[in-house]
Amino acid sequence: ERVANPAYFQSKVSNAAAYYKPLLRSGSVKPLWHLMAFTSVVMYTTNFICLKGGKVKHAREEKKVALDEYYKNHGITSHH
């Protein structure tokens, strides 16, 4: 309910502006580090979700099937 209210986002933006404006004016490096961290998190998350997530899942399933077949052919139990 609170997230659907535009005033919630306006207050968050004004709070962020109040926090970062003095830092930017004083030449602090903190906003740069925050921007770099945010960019990295977004980049790696979207990379995994969009590109690598399905491929990794498929590769793990393929390896599991291959190992089960190997264990079956060689009389080895997969559980220790």
C-alpha atoms as a PDB file:
ATOM      1  CA  GLU A   1       0.000   0.000   0.000  1.00  0.00           C
ATOM      2  CA  ARG A   2       2.808   2.370   0.905  1.00  0.00           C
ATOM      3  CA  VAL A   3       4.769   1.614  -2.285  1.00  0.00           C
ATOM      4  CA  ALA A   4       1.761   2.480  -4.460  1.00  0.00           C
ATOM      5  CA  ASN A   5       1.712   5.998  -3.060  1.00  0.00           C
ATOM      6  CA  PRO A   6       3.727   8.511  -5.192  1.00  0.00           C
ATOM      7  CA  ALA A   7       4.549  10.529  -2.061  1.00  0.00           C
ATOM      8  CA  TYR A   8       6.614   7.580  -0.831  1.00  0.00           C
ATOM      9  CA  PHE A   9       8.926   7.772  -3.848  1.00  0.00           C
ATOM     10  CA  GLN A  10       9.060  11.566  -3.737  1.00  0.00           C
ATOM     11  CA  SER A  11      10.215  11.420  -0.132  1.00  0.00           C
ATOM     12  CA  LYS A  12      12.885   8.831  -1.007  1.00  0.00           C
ATOM     13  CA  VAL A  13      14.197  10.996  -3.862  1.00  0.00           C
ATOM     14  CA  SER A  14      14.254  14.125  -1.710  1.00  0.00           C
ATOM     15  CA  ASN A  15      16.056  12.223   1.079  1.00  0.00           C
ATOM     16  CA  ALA A  16      18.662  10.974  -1.394  1.00  0.00           C
ATOM     17  CA  ALA A  17      19.098  14.459  -2.837  1.00  0.00           C
ATOM     18  CA  ALA A  18      19.534  15.901   0.648  1.00  0.00           C
ATOM     19  CA  TYR A  19      22.175  13.253   1.389  1.00  0.00           C
ATOM     20  CA  TYR A  20      24.181  13.447  -1.836  1.00  0.00           C
ATOM     21  CA  LYS A  21      24.031  17.171  -2.697  1.00  0.00           C
ATOM     22  CA  PRO A  22      26.467  18.270   0.052  1.00  0.00           C
ATOM     23  CA  LEU A  23      28.758  15.356  -0.767  1.00  0.00           C
ATOM     24  CA  LEU A  24      28.855  16.284  -4.451  1.00  0.00           C
ATOM     25  CA  ARG A  25      29.507  19.949  -3.703  1.00  0.00           C
ATOM     26  CA  SER A  26      32.351  19.161  -1.331  1.00  0.00           C
ATOM     27  CA  GLY A  27      34.017  16.872  -3.894  1.00  0.00           C
ATOM     28  CA  SER A  28      33.641  13.714  -1.840  1.00  0.00           C
ATOM     29  CA  VAL A  29      34.380  10.383  -3.482  1.00  0.00           C
ATOM     30  CA  LYS A  30      31.542   8.610  -1.614  1.00  0.00           C
ATOM     31  CA  PRO A  31      28.868   9.241  -4.306  1.00  0.00           C
ATOM     32  CA  LEU A  32      31.190   7.765  -6.930  1.00  0.00           C
ATOM     33  CA  TRP A  33      31.707   4.624  -4.874  1.00  0.00           C
ATOM     34  CA  HIS A  34      27.968   4.277  -4.289  1.00  0.00           C
ATOM     35  CA  LEU A  35      27.284   4.681  -8.007  1.00  0.00           C
ATOM     36  CA  MET A  36      29.952   2.130  -8.894  1.00  0.00           C
ATOM     37  CA  ALA A  37      28.599  -0.404  -6.391  1.00  0.00           C
ATOM     38  CA  PHE A  38      25.026   0.101  -7.593  1.00  0.00           C
ATOM     39  CA  THR A  39      26.094  -0.268 -11.234  1.00  0.00           C
ATOM     40  CA  SER A  40      28.009  -3.465 -10.464  1.00  0.00           C
ATOM     41  CA  VAL A  41      25.107  -5.052  -8.604  1.00  0.00           C
ATOM     42  CA  VAL A  42      22.664  -4.212 -11.388  1.00  0.00           C
ATOM     43  CA  MET A  43      25.086  -5.362 -14.096  1.00  0.00           C
ATOM     44  CA  TYR A  44      25.918  -8.728 -12.531  1.00  0.00           C
ATOM     45  CA  THR A  45      22.306  -9.421 -11.558  1.00  0.00           C
ATOM     46  CA  THR A  46      20.929  -8.736 -15.022  1.00  0.00           C
ATOM     47  CA  ASN A  47      23.801 -10.658 -16.603  1.00  0.00           C
ATOM     48  CA  PHE A  48      22.986 -13.725 -14.525  1.00  0.00           C
ATOM     49  CA  ILE A  49      19.225 -13.480 -14.922  1.00  0.00           C
ATOM     50  CA  CYS A  50      19.222 -12.749 -18.651  1.00  0.00           C
ATOM     51  CA  LEU A  51      22.245 -14.601 -19.962  1.00  0.00           C
ATOM     52  CA  LYS A  52      23.867 -17.090 -17.640  1.00  0.00           C
ATOM     53  CA  GLY A  53      21.101 -18.330 -15.365  1.00  0.00           C
ATOM     54  CA  GLY A  54      19.451 -20.674 -17.848  1.00  0.00           C
ATOM     55  CA  LYS A  55      22.757 -21.896 -19.251  1.00  0.00           C
ATOM     56  CA  VAL A  56      24.130 -22.705 -15.798  1.00  0.00           C
ATOM     57  CA  LYS A  57      20.941 -24.528 -14.821  1.00  0.00           C
ATOM     58  CA  HIS A  58      20.987 -26.554 -18.044  1.00  0.00           C
ATOM     59  CA  ALA A  59      24.681 -27.429 -17.591  1.00  0.00           C
ATOM     60  CA  ARG A  60      24.089 -28.593 -14.016  1.00  0.00           C
ATOM     61  CA  GLU A  61      21.175 -30.787 -15.082  1.00  0.00           C
ATOM     62  CA  GLU A  62      23.244 -32.237 -17.929  1.00  0.00           C
ATOM     63  CA  LYS A  63      26.146 -33.035 -15.580  1.00  0.00           C
ATOM     64  CA  LYS A  64      23.780 -34.649 -13.077  1.00  0.00           C
ATOM     65  CA  VAL A  65      22.324 -36.919 -15.768  1.00  0.00           C
ATOM     66  CA  ALA A  66      25.804 -37.813 -17.017  1.00  0.00           C
ATOM     67  CA  LEU A  67      27.058 -38.598 -13.506  1.00  0.00           C
ATOM     68  CA  ASP A  68      24.000 -40.720 -12.745  1.00  0.00           C
ATOM     69  CA  GLU A  69      24.594 -42.667 -15.951  1.00  0.00           C
ATOM     70  CA  TYR A  70      28.300 -43.073 -15.108  1.00  0.00           C
ATOM     71  CA  TYR A  71      27.511 -44.295 -11.601  1.00  0.00           C
ATOM     72  CA  LYS A  72      24.940 -46.740 -12.965  1.00  0.00           C
ATOM     73  CA  ASN A  73      27.375 -48.143 -15.577  1.00  0.00           C
ATOM     74  CA  HIS A  74      30.214 -48.551 -13.065  1.00  0.00           C
ATOM     75  CA  GLY A  75      28.178 -49.822 -10.118  1.00  0.00           C
ATOM     76  CA  ILE A  76      28.939 -46.824  -7.942  1.00  0.00           C
ATOM     77  CA  THR A  77      26.391 -45.232  -5.663  1.00  0.00           C
ATOM     78  CA  SER A  78      26.182 -41.472  -5.932  1.00  0.00           C
ATOM     79  CA  HIS A  79      25.414 -41.083  -2.232  1.00  0.00           C
ATOM     80  CA  HIS A  80      28.227 -41.748   0.198  1.00  0.00           C
END
